[in-house]
Amino acid sequence: VRNSIQAVVSTQSTGVSQPNLRATLKCVSVAIYYHIKKRDQDTEFVDILDEKRHPLSKQPVPTDYAKIEPTHNYIYRFIKNLFISAQLTAECAIISLIYIERLLTCADICLQPSNWKRIVLGAILLASKVWDDQAVWNVDYCQIMKDLQVEDVNELERQFLELIQFNINVQQAAYAKYYFDLRSAAEQHGLQLPVDTLDIKRAKKLEAYSQNEEFDKLADMAEAGPVKAMSLENLSKRRPSLAVIS
């Protein structure tokens, strides 16, 4: 696997691989499922991520919500609804998983039945803005999830950024590692992760984000107006030193 990753990253003409959306979402769902199954019960509590305190719908949250573990099919349906409705890509799903695991490390928390939905939503919010050329604005997610309030989405995004220390870098090597890990997971669960190659433009685009160009993009979003990017309004005023997953 290590040699395969190196080969993918070093190939100048194709860059990293572009996977199939449905299979990728299934693999990401399985990864989230196992994070929840193997969680540490003694973990940090983050208010903005708790679904009881910040529900995603008007349906009552069960009293034992923190103990009800979702199936991987339920997780898949939740993610698929967001991706299909927002017309997001498979690459965006992989970057979302990178952000999820980065959050777990930086904030010292675990995916749990009580927080996984809001963590996934926060990761998708950021990934869609960093990767996709046609960014989905926070207010658009309120059209997909009808009971969401844009103020809540903005605050979720703002605190997610703080929790990952504003590190939204994704290098080709990190992307390739996650891609091959997902391919291995797919094979273990009887799934196929078809491969198409990224064109040169898209491969270079991913590599550019490892050099802080994505921070300028978020700053531009912040200047677009309070309705579209209120939670990013302070980014143009600060440029922290960003670490990169290796």
Protein backbone atom coordinates (compact mmCIF):
# COMPACT_ATOMS: atom_id res chain seq x y z
CA VAL A 1 0.00 0.00 0.00
CA ARG A 2 2.80 2.45 0.88
CA ASN A 3 4.42 1.92 -2.53
CA SER A 4 1.04 2.41 -4.23
CA ILE A 5 0.53 5.69 -2.40
CA GLN A 6 3.98 6.92 -3.41
CA ALA A 7 3.31 5.96 -7.00
CA VAL A 8 0.05 7.86 -7.06
CA VAL A 9 1.50 11.00 -5.48
CA SER A 10 4.57 11.05 -7.72
CA THR A 11 2.66 10.63 -10.99
CA GLN A 12 2.78 14.06 -12.59
CA SER A 13 0.19 13.46 -15.28
CA THR A 14 -2.66 12.05 -13.23
CA GLY A 15 -2.18 12.97 -9.58
CA VAL A 16 -4.41 11.14 -7.08
CA SER A 17 -7.41 9.04 -7.97
CA GLN A 18 -11.02 10.13 -8.40
CA PRO A 19 -13.29 7.51 -6.81
CA ASN A 20 -16.91 6.56 -7.36
CA LEU A 21 -19.36 8.57 -5.22
CA ARG A 22 -21.72 5.83 -4.02
CA ALA A 23 -18.95 3.41 -3.07
CA THR A 24 -16.95 6.19 -1.40
CA LEU A 25 -19.92 7.30 0.72
CA LYS A 26 -20.49 3.70 1.81
CA CYS A 27 -16.84 3.36 2.84
CA VAL A 28 -16.84 6.68 4.69
CA SER A 29 -20.04 5.59 6.45
CA VAL A 30 -18.38 2.37 7.58
CA ALA A 31 -15.38 4.33 8.88
CA ILE A 32 -17.69 6.60 10.90
CA TYR A 33 -19.61 3.57 12.17
CA TYR A 34 -16.47 1.94 13.55
CA HIS A 35 -15.36 5.19 15.14
CA ILE A 36 -18.65 5.20 17.05
CA LYS A 37 -18.43 1.49 17.93
CA LYS A 38 -14.88 1.78 19.27
CA ARG A 39 -15.32 5.12 21.03
CA ASP A 40 -13.84 6.00 24.39
CA GLN A 41 -16.64 6.63 26.88
CA ASP A 42 -14.49 9.12 28.80
CA THR A 43 -14.14 11.96 26.32
CA GLU A 44 -14.45 15.72 26.10
CA PHE A 45 -17.95 17.24 25.79
CA VAL A 46 -18.42 19.98 23.20
CA ASP A 47 -21.78 21.74 23.45
CA ILE A 48 -22.11 22.81 19.81
CA LEU A 49 -21.72 19.19 18.66
CA ASP A 50 -24.41 17.74 20.93
CA GLU A 51 -27.62 16.92 19.08
CA LYS A 52 -29.80 17.18 22.18
CA ARG A 53 -28.71 20.77 22.79
CA HIS A 54 -28.65 21.62 19.09
CA PRO A 55 -31.16 19.35 17.31
CA LEU A 56 -31.05 19.03 13.53
CA SER A 57 -34.81 18.56 13.25
CA LYS A 58 -38.01 19.27 15.15
CA GLN A 59 -38.50 15.60 15.88
CA PRO A 60 -38.01 14.87 19.57
CA VAL A 61 -34.59 13.51 20.45
CA PRO A 62 -34.98 10.25 22.44
CA THR A 63 -34.03 10.46 26.11
CA ASP A 64 -31.47 7.69 25.59
CA TYR A 65 -30.13 9.28 22.39
CA ALA A 66 -26.56 9.12 23.67
CA LYS A 67 -26.72 5.31 23.80
CA ILE A 68 -28.47 4.50 20.51
CA GLU A 69 -25.77 3.53 18.04
CA PRO A 70 -26.63 4.12 14.37
CA THR A 71 -26.17 1.38 11.80
CA HIS A 72 -23.73 2.01 8.99
CA ASN A 73 -26.70 2.00 6.58
CA TYR A 74 -28.35 4.79 8.60
CA ILE A 75 -25.12 6.79 8.52
CA TYR A 76 -24.86 6.19 4.78
CA ARG A 77 -28.41 7.47 4.17
CA PHE A 78 -27.72 10.60 6.24
CA ILE A 79 -24.52 11.41 4.32
CA LYS A 80 -25.97 10.43 0.94
CA ASN A 81 -28.89 12.84 1.41
CA LEU A 82 -26.48 15.74 1.97
CA PHE A 83 -24.20 14.81 -0.92
CA ILE A 84 -26.93 14.19 -3.47
CA SER A 85 -28.92 17.28 -2.48
CA ALA A 86 -25.86 19.53 -2.51
CA GLN A 87 -24.37 17.80 -5.58
CA LEU A 88 -21.06 17.17 -3.83
CA THR A 89 -18.27 14.94 -5.14
CA ALA A 90 -16.56 11.77 -3.96
CA GLU A 91 -13.36 13.74 -3.32
CA CYS A 92 -15.36 15.94 -0.97
CA ALA A 93 -16.38 12.84 0.98
CA ILE A 94 -12.76 11.80 1.47
CA ILE A 95 -11.78 15.31 2.57
CA SER A 96 -14.75 15.32 4.98
CA LEU A 97 -13.42 12.14 6.60
CA ILE A 98 -9.98 13.74 6.91
CA TYR A 99 -11.55 16.71 8.70
CA ILE A 100 -13.59 14.42 10.97
CA GLU A 101 -10.51 12.51 12.12
CA ARG A 102 -8.55 15.76 12.43
CA LEU A 103 -11.27 17.07 14.75
CA LEU A 104 -11.17 13.94 16.89
CA THR A 105 -7.41 14.33 17.31
CA CYS A 106 -7.24 18.09 17.84
CA ALA A 107 -10.24 18.35 20.17
CA ASP A 108 -9.61 15.02 21.95
CA ILE A 109 -13.17 13.85 21.43
CA CYS A 110 -14.84 10.74 20.03
CA LEU A 111 -17.63 10.17 17.57
CA GLN A 112 -20.66 9.21 19.63
CA PRO A 113 -24.38 8.64 19.03
CA SER A 114 -24.97 12.11 20.48
CA ASN A 115 -22.60 14.07 18.24
CA TRP A 116 -21.81 12.19 15.03
CA LYS A 117 -24.42 13.93 12.87
CA ARG A 118 -23.26 17.43 13.75
CA ILE A 119 -19.60 16.49 13.39
CA VAL A 120 -20.28 15.01 9.94
CA LEU A 121 -22.28 18.08 8.94
CA GLY A 122 -19.50 20.42 10.10
CA ALA A 123 -16.88 18.47 8.17
CA ILE A 124 -18.98 18.50 5.00
CA LEU A 125 -19.54 22.25 5.35
CA LEU A 126 -15.80 22.89 5.28
CA ALA A 127 -14.90 20.24 2.72
CA SER A 128 -17.48 21.49 0.22
CA LYS A 129 -16.11 25.04 0.44
CA VAL A 130 -12.47 24.01 0.22
CA TRP A 131 -12.82 21.53 -2.63
CA ASP A 132 -15.88 22.20 -4.78
CA ASP A 133 -15.72 25.03 -7.31
CA GLN A 134 -19.41 25.76 -6.78
CA ALA A 135 -19.48 26.16 -3.01
CA VAL A 136 -22.66 25.29 -1.16
CA TRP A 137 -23.41 28.11 1.24
CA ASN A 138 -24.59 27.53 4.79
CA VAL A 139 -28.07 28.79 4.00
CA ASP A 140 -28.33 26.10 1.30
CA TYR A 141 -27.94 23.36 3.90
CA CYS A 142 -30.94 24.87 5.68
CA GLN A 143 -32.93 24.14 2.53
CA ILE A 144 -31.74 20.54 2.56
CA MET A 145 -32.40 20.07 6.28
CA LYS A 146 -35.54 22.13 6.64
CA ASP A 147 -35.44 22.58 10.42
CA LEU A 148 -31.88 23.92 10.52
CA GLN A 149 -31.31 27.58 11.35
CA VAL A 150 -28.53 29.37 9.48
CA GLU A 151 -27.25 30.88 12.74
CA ASP A 152 -26.73 27.39 14.12
CA VAL A 153 -24.94 26.25 10.97
CA ASN A 154 -22.69 29.32 11.06
CA GLU A 155 -21.77 28.71 14.68
CA LEU A 156 -21.14 25.02 14.05
CA GLU A 157 -18.76 25.90 11.22
CA ARG A 158 -16.99 28.58 13.25
CA GLN A 159 -16.37 26.32 16.23
CA PHE A 160 -15.40 23.38 14.00
CA LEU A 161 -12.69 25.58 12.48
CA GLU A 162 -11.48 26.57 15.93
CA LEU A 163 -11.44 22.97 17.13
CA ILE A 164 -9.23 21.89 14.21
CA GLN A 165 -7.05 24.96 14.82
CA PHE A 166 -7.98 26.41 11.42
CA ASN A 167 -6.04 23.61 9.75
CA ILE A 168 -7.93 22.86 6.54
CA ASN A 169 -4.84 21.78 4.59
CA VAL A 170 -5.06 18.52 2.68
CA GLN A 171 -1.91 17.43 0.86
CA GLN A 172 -1.94 14.91 -1.96
CA ALA A 173 -0.11 12.39 0.23
CA ALA A 174 -2.75 12.64 2.96
CA TYR A 175 -5.57 12.35 0.43
CA ALA A 176 -3.91 9.34 -1.21
CA LYS A 177 -3.44 7.61 2.15
CA TYR A 178 -7.13 7.99 2.98
CA TYR A 179 -8.11 6.89 -0.50
CA PHE A 180 -6.17 3.63 -0.26
CA ASP A 181 -7.38 3.04 3.30
CA LEU A 182 -10.94 3.37 2.02
CA ARG A 183 -10.20 0.99 -0.85
CA SER A 184 -8.95 -1.58 1.66
CA ALA A 185 -12.07 -1.07 3.78
CA ALA A 186 -14.23 -1.46 0.68
CA GLU A 187 -12.65 -4.79 -0.19
CA GLN A 188 -13.12 -6.05 3.37
CA HIS A 189 -16.84 -5.27 3.16
CA GLY A 190 -17.41 -6.62 -0.34
CA LEU A 191 -17.51 -3.19 -1.98
CA GLN A 192 -15.73 -1.97 -5.07
CA LEU A 193 -14.14 1.46 -5.27
CA PRO A 194 -13.81 2.09 -9.03
CA VAL A 195 -10.90 4.27 -10.10
CA ASP A 196 -10.90 7.16 -12.51
CA THR A 197 -7.90 9.46 -12.62
CA LEU A 198 -8.04 13.10 -11.67
CA ASP A 199 -7.06 15.38 -14.49
CA ILE A 200 -3.98 17.57 -14.07
CA LYS A 201 -6.01 20.64 -13.15
CA ARG A 202 -7.84 18.93 -10.28
CA ALA A 203 -4.67 17.25 -9.00
CA LYS A 204 -2.83 20.57 -8.92
CA LYS A 205 -5.82 22.14 -7.22
CA LEU A 206 -5.57 19.70 -4.33
CA GLU A 207 -1.83 20.25 -4.02
CA ALA A 208 -2.30 24.02 -4.01
CA TYR A 209 -4.35 23.78 -0.83
CA SER A 210 -1.29 22.44 0.99
CA GLN A 211 0.33 25.85 0.54
CA ASN A 212 -2.26 27.97 2.38
CA GLU A 213 -4.08 29.07 -0.76
CA GLU A 214 -7.28 27.65 0.72
CA PHE A 215 -7.03 30.20 3.53
CA ASP A 216 -7.27 33.01 0.99
CA LYS A 217 -10.32 31.32 -0.48
CA LEU A 218 -12.04 31.27 2.90
CA ALA A 219 -11.09 34.89 3.46
CA ASP A 220 -12.74 35.75 0.15
CA MET A 221 -15.86 33.92 1.33
CA ALA A 222 -15.83 35.94 4.50
CA GLU A 223 -15.86 39.14 2.47
CA ALA A 224 -18.82 37.89 0.42
CA GLY A 225 -21.29 38.94 3.10
CA PRO A 226 -22.78 37.91 6.46
CA VAL A 227 -25.53 35.74 4.98
CA LYS A 228 -23.17 33.52 2.99
CA ALA A 229 -20.18 33.22 5.28
CA MET A 230 -20.84 34.85 8.65
CA SER A 231 -18.94 32.15 10.52
CA LEU A 232 -15.79 32.91 8.52
CA GLU A 233 -15.82 36.67 9.01
CA ASN A 234 -12.70 36.77 11.17
CA LEU A 235 -10.50 34.61 8.97
CA SER A 236 -9.27 37.49 6.86
CA LYS A 237 -7.89 39.12 10.02
CA ARG A 238 -5.65 36.25 11.06
CA ARG A 239 -3.41 33.73 9.34
CA PRO A 240 -2.25 31.07 11.80
CA SER A 241 0.59 28.68 11.18
CA LEU A 242 -1.09 25.52 9.88
CA ALA A 243 0.03 21.97 10.49
CA VAL A 244 -0.49 19.28 7.86
CA ILE A 245 -1.48 15.65 8.23
CA SER A 246 1.44 13.42 7.32
